[in-house]
């Protein structure tokens, strides 16, 4: 039989876990909001470099062939950023998959 002191210690430890999980849940909500915004920005960048970006670079360079354009003017920089975004999403997907399937293959 558990003593009252041991039970209180156990309850205190469980309460700390509950508080941490509750805080984690709030952070997950913040993360999901950020993730949606990050996806929108990546989509906008991809659309820009596929459509308007080349036209903007052409217009700037037509006016001044020696003009220095921002890094987005180099499609490689934009595509690398988008690839990094995609790779990050894959890492998130793997982490979520591992978390959700943990213990599925455990034998009883």
Protein backbone atom coordinates (compact mmCIF):
# COMPACT_ATOMS: atom_id res chain seq x y z
CA UNK A 1 0.00 0.00 0.00
CA UNK A 2 1.21 3.48 -0.87
CA UNK A 3 1.90 5.87 1.98
CA UNK A 4 0.22 9.27 2.03
CA UNK A 5 3.61 10.97 1.65
CA UNK A 6 4.52 8.87 -1.38
CA UNK A 7 1.07 9.50 -2.85
CA UNK A 8 1.50 13.27 -2.39
CA UNK A 9 4.90 13.13 -4.09
CA UNK A 10 3.40 11.14 -6.92
CA UNK A 11 0.49 13.58 -7.28
CA UNK A 12 2.89 16.55 -7.26
CA UNK A 13 4.99 14.94 -10.00
CA UNK A 14 1.88 14.19 -12.05
CA UNK A 15 0.62 17.75 -11.57
CA UNK A 16 3.93 19.09 -12.91
CA UNK A 17 3.51 16.86 -15.95
CA UNK A 18 -0.06 18.10 -16.43
CA UNK A 19 1.13 21.71 -16.25
CA UNK A 20 3.88 21.00 -18.78
CA UNK A 21 1.54 19.18 -21.19
CA UNK A 22 -0.96 22.05 -20.93
CA UNK A 23 1.82 24.53 -21.75
CA UNK A 24 2.98 22.28 -24.59
CA UNK A 25 -0.54 22.28 -26.01
CA UNK A 26 -0.61 26.08 -26.03
CA UNK A 27 2.77 26.15 -27.78
CA UNK A 28 1.49 23.63 -30.33
CA UNK A 29 -1.41 25.97 -31.14
CA UNK A 30 1.04 28.86 -31.60
CA UNK A 31 3.22 26.64 -33.79
CA UNK A 32 0.28 25.61 -35.97
CA UNK A 33 -0.66 29.24 -36.50
CA UNK A 34 2.93 30.09 -37.41
CA UNK A 35 3.14 27.05 -39.70
CA UNK A 36 0.08 28.14 -41.67
CA UNK A 37 1.57 31.62 -42.07
CA UNK A 38 4.94 30.16 -43.09
CA UNK A 39 3.25 28.02 -45.71
CA UNK A 40 1.43 31.04 -47.10
CA UNK A 41 4.69 32.98 -47.34
CA UNK A 42 6.43 30.07 -49.10
CA UNK A 43 3.54 29.79 -51.55
CA UNK A 44 3.68 33.53 -52.26
CA UNK A 45 7.45 33.37 -52.83
CA UNK A 46 7.09 30.39 -55.18
CA UNK A 47 4.40 32.21 -57.13
CA UNK A 48 6.52 35.37 -57.31
CA UNK A 49 9.64 33.65 -58.62
CA UNK A 50 7.58 31.71 -61.16
CA UNK A 51 5.66 34.74 -62.44
CA UNK A 52 6.55 38.33 -61.58
CA UNK A 53 10.12 37.84 -60.36
CA UNK A 54 11.81 37.31 -63.74
CA UNK A 55 9.93 40.29 -65.17
CA UNK A 56 11.06 42.50 -62.29
CA UNK A 57 14.71 41.47 -62.72
CA UNK A 58 14.49 42.03 -66.47
CA UNK A 59 13.02 45.52 -65.96
CA UNK A 60 15.69 46.51 -63.40
CA UNK A 61 18.56 45.20 -65.54
CA UNK A 62 17.12 46.80 -68.69
CA UNK A 63 17.36 50.17 -66.98
CA UNK A 64 20.80 49.52 -65.45
CA UNK A 65 22.77 46.49 -66.59
CA UNK A 66 25.10 46.86 -63.59
CA UNK A 67 22.28 47.07 -61.06
CA UNK A 68 22.59 45.05 -57.92
CA UNK A 69 19.41 43.19 -57.14
CA UNK A 70 18.42 41.67 -53.79
CA UNK A 71 19.08 37.95 -53.22
CA UNK A 72 15.55 37.08 -54.35
CA UNK A 73 16.66 38.20 -57.80
CA UNK A 74 18.82 35.09 -57.88
CA UNK A 75 16.32 32.29 -58.35
CA UNK A 76 18.75 29.85 -56.72
CA UNK A 77 18.47 31.67 -53.38
CA UNK A 78 14.67 31.58 -53.51
CA UNK A 79 14.53 27.92 -54.56
CA UNK A 80 17.00 26.98 -51.83
CA UNK A 81 14.80 28.73 -49.25
CA UNK A 82 11.73 26.93 -50.59
CA UNK A 83 13.59 23.60 -50.55
CA UNK A 84 14.61 24.23 -46.95
CA UNK A 85 10.97 24.99 -46.13
CA UNK A 86 9.88 21.73 -47.76
CA UNK A 87 12.59 19.77 -45.95
CA UNK A 88 11.46 21.30 -42.66
CA UNK A 89 7.90 20.19 -43.33
CA UNK A 90 9.15 16.66 -43.99
CA UNK A 91 11.02 16.68 -40.66
CA UNK A 92 7.85 17.82 -38.91
CA UNK A 93 5.85 15.09 -40.66
CA UNK A 94 8.37 12.45 -39.60
CA UNK A 95 8.34 13.67 -36.00
CA UNK A 96 4.54 13.67 -35.88
CA UNK A 97 4.36 10.23 -37.50
CA UNK A 98 6.85 8.81 -35.03
CA UNK A 99 4.94 10.33 -32.11
CA UNK A 100 1.59 9.06 -33.29
CA UNK A 101 2.81 5.57 -34.10
CA UNK A 102 5.03 5.08 -31.04
CA UNK A 103 4.06 1.85 -29.39
CA UNK A 104 1.97 0.59 -32.32
CA UNK A 105 4.38 -2.24 -33.02
CA UNK A 106 5.11 -2.99 -29.38
CA UNK A 107 4.33 -6.53 -28.41
CA UNK A 108 2.33 -7.12 -25.25
